[in-house]
Amino acid sequence: MSVMLEKETKVNLQQVMALANRFILAKLPDRFSAGLPKSVAFPTRRLWVVPVILTYPHVGIVGEVGMVAVDAEQETVVGWTPFQEMEELARQLYQEKKHEIEIAFS
């Protein structure tokens, strides 16, 4: 078994979150944003996996609806949960927490 040597990446945690948020905002409606990225090492490169979270004002985080993958060397989004799946999960989470969300707005 071979082991990849750790090396510095071009982007840090804050840069990854900013990149993921720009991607999310360009592709999904409001209320979706980036969560805390996690670094994942592959034999050939390092990726950041960023959860996509559903949030509401006065409520906060409602839940996680998907993921965005950011290439740490190329500084680009290279993968994501299909948007339709994220939107469907967001609808399900809204229904599950509808009462809490509506109370926050009343």
Protein backbone atom coordinates (compact mmCIF):
# COMPACT_ATOMS: atom_id res chain seq x y z
CA MET A 1 0.00 0.00 0.00
CA SER A 2 1.39 3.40 -0.94
CA VAL A 3 0.93 6.52 1.13
CA MET A 4 0.61 10.00 -0.33
CA LEU A 5 2.86 12.56 1.27
CA GLU A 6 1.06 15.54 2.74
CA LYS A 7 1.63 18.77 0.87
CA GLU A 8 0.34 22.29 1.13
CA THR A 9 -2.71 23.19 -0.89
CA LYS A 10 -3.24 26.45 -2.73
CA VAL A 11 -6.49 27.23 -0.93
CA ASN A 12 -7.30 27.44 2.75
CA LEU A 13 -10.55 26.74 4.57
CA GLN A 14 -11.97 30.26 4.15
CA GLN A 15 -11.13 30.35 0.44
CA VAL A 16 -12.81 26.98 -0.09
CA MET A 17 -15.95 28.17 1.71
CA ALA A 18 -16.03 31.36 -0.37
CA LEU A 19 -15.58 29.43 -3.62
CA ALA A 20 -18.27 26.92 -2.66
CA ASN A 21 -20.66 29.71 -1.62
CA ARG A 22 -20.20 31.52 -4.94
CA PHE A 23 -21.00 28.28 -6.76
CA ILE A 24 -24.02 27.55 -4.55
CA LEU A 25 -25.41 31.08 -4.92
CA ALA A 26 -25.02 30.92 -8.70
CA LYS A 27 -26.82 27.57 -9.00
CA LEU A 28 -29.41 27.40 -6.21
CA PRO A 29 -32.03 29.73 -4.72
CA ASP A 30 -31.39 31.68 -1.54
CA ARG A 31 -31.39 29.83 1.80
CA PHE A 32 -28.62 27.48 0.58
CA SER A 33 -25.03 28.02 1.73
CA ALA A 34 -21.72 26.28 2.36
CA GLY A 35 -21.02 24.48 5.59
CA LEU A 36 -17.65 23.63 7.12
CA PRO A 37 -15.34 22.05 4.50
CA LYS A 38 -13.49 18.81 5.14
CA SER A 39 -10.24 17.93 3.41
CA VAL A 40 -10.11 14.54 1.68
CA ALA A 41 -6.84 13.08 0.39
CA PHE A 42 -6.90 10.93 -2.74
CA PRO A 43 -3.81 9.18 -4.12
CA THR A 44 -3.43 11.78 -6.89
CA ARG A 45 -4.76 14.96 -5.29
CA ARG A 46 -6.56 16.58 -2.39
CA LEU A 47 -10.19 17.69 -2.51
CA TRP A 48 -12.31 19.69 -0.12
CA VAL A 49 -15.81 18.34 0.45
CA VAL A 50 -18.19 21.11 1.44
CA PRO A 51 -21.66 20.40 2.79
CA VAL A 52 -24.51 22.41 1.29
CA ILE A 53 -26.85 23.49 4.05
CA LEU A 54 -30.36 24.88 4.10
CA THR A 55 -30.81 27.87 6.40
CA TYR A 56 -33.59 30.25 7.30
CA PRO A 57 -33.33 33.66 8.98
CA HIS A 58 -34.21 33.54 12.69
CA VAL A 59 -33.98 29.73 12.54
CA GLY A 60 -30.41 29.03 11.46
CA ILE A 61 -29.36 25.72 9.97
CA VAL A 62 -32.29 23.52 9.02
CA GLY A 63 -30.17 20.68 7.64
CA GLU A 64 -27.66 19.40 5.13
CA VAL A 65 -28.94 18.86 1.59
CA GLY A 66 -25.86 17.92 -0.43
CA MET A 67 -22.16 18.36 -1.09
CA VAL A 68 -19.82 20.38 -3.29
CA ALA A 69 -16.31 19.10 -4.07
CA VAL A 70 -13.51 21.63 -4.56
CA ASP A 71 -10.14 20.71 -6.08
CA ALA A 72 -7.54 22.07 -3.68
CA GLU A 73 -4.90 22.54 -6.37
CA GLN A 74 -7.02 23.84 -9.25
CA GLU A 75 -9.16 26.09 -7.01
CA THR A 76 -12.31 25.00 -8.79
CA VAL A 77 -15.55 23.15 -8.09
CA VAL A 78 -15.23 19.67 -9.58
CA GLY A 79 -18.37 17.93 -8.35
CA TRP A 80 -21.67 18.37 -6.55
CA THR A 81 -24.86 16.66 -5.51
CA PRO A 82 -27.36 17.12 -8.36
CA PHE A 83 -29.30 20.37 -7.85
CA GLN A 84 -32.67 18.66 -8.20
CA GLU A 85 -31.76 16.29 -5.35
CA MET A 86 -30.68 19.17 -3.13
CA GLU A 87 -33.87 21.10 -3.82
CA GLU A 88 -36.02 18.03 -3.14
CA LEU A 89 -34.24 17.34 0.15
CA ALA A 90 -34.66 21.02 1.07
CA ARG A 91 -38.43 20.69 0.50
CA GLN A 92 -38.50 17.58 2.71
CA LEU A 93 -36.54 19.32 5.47
CA TYR A 94 -38.84 22.33 5.25
CA GLN A 95 -41.88 20.09 5.67
CA GLU A 96 -40.29 18.32 8.65
CA LYS A 97 -39.45 21.62 10.36
CA LYS A 98 -42.27 23.76 8.97
CA HIS A 99 -43.72 24.52 12.39
CA GLU A 100 -40.39 25.80 13.77
CA ILE A 101 -39.74 27.88 10.65
CA GLU A 102 -43.20 29.46 10.65
CA ILE A 103 -42.99 30.29 14.37
CA ALA A 104 -39.71 32.11 13.73
CA PHE A 105 -41.46 34.37 11.21
CA SER A 106 -44.55 35.13 13.29
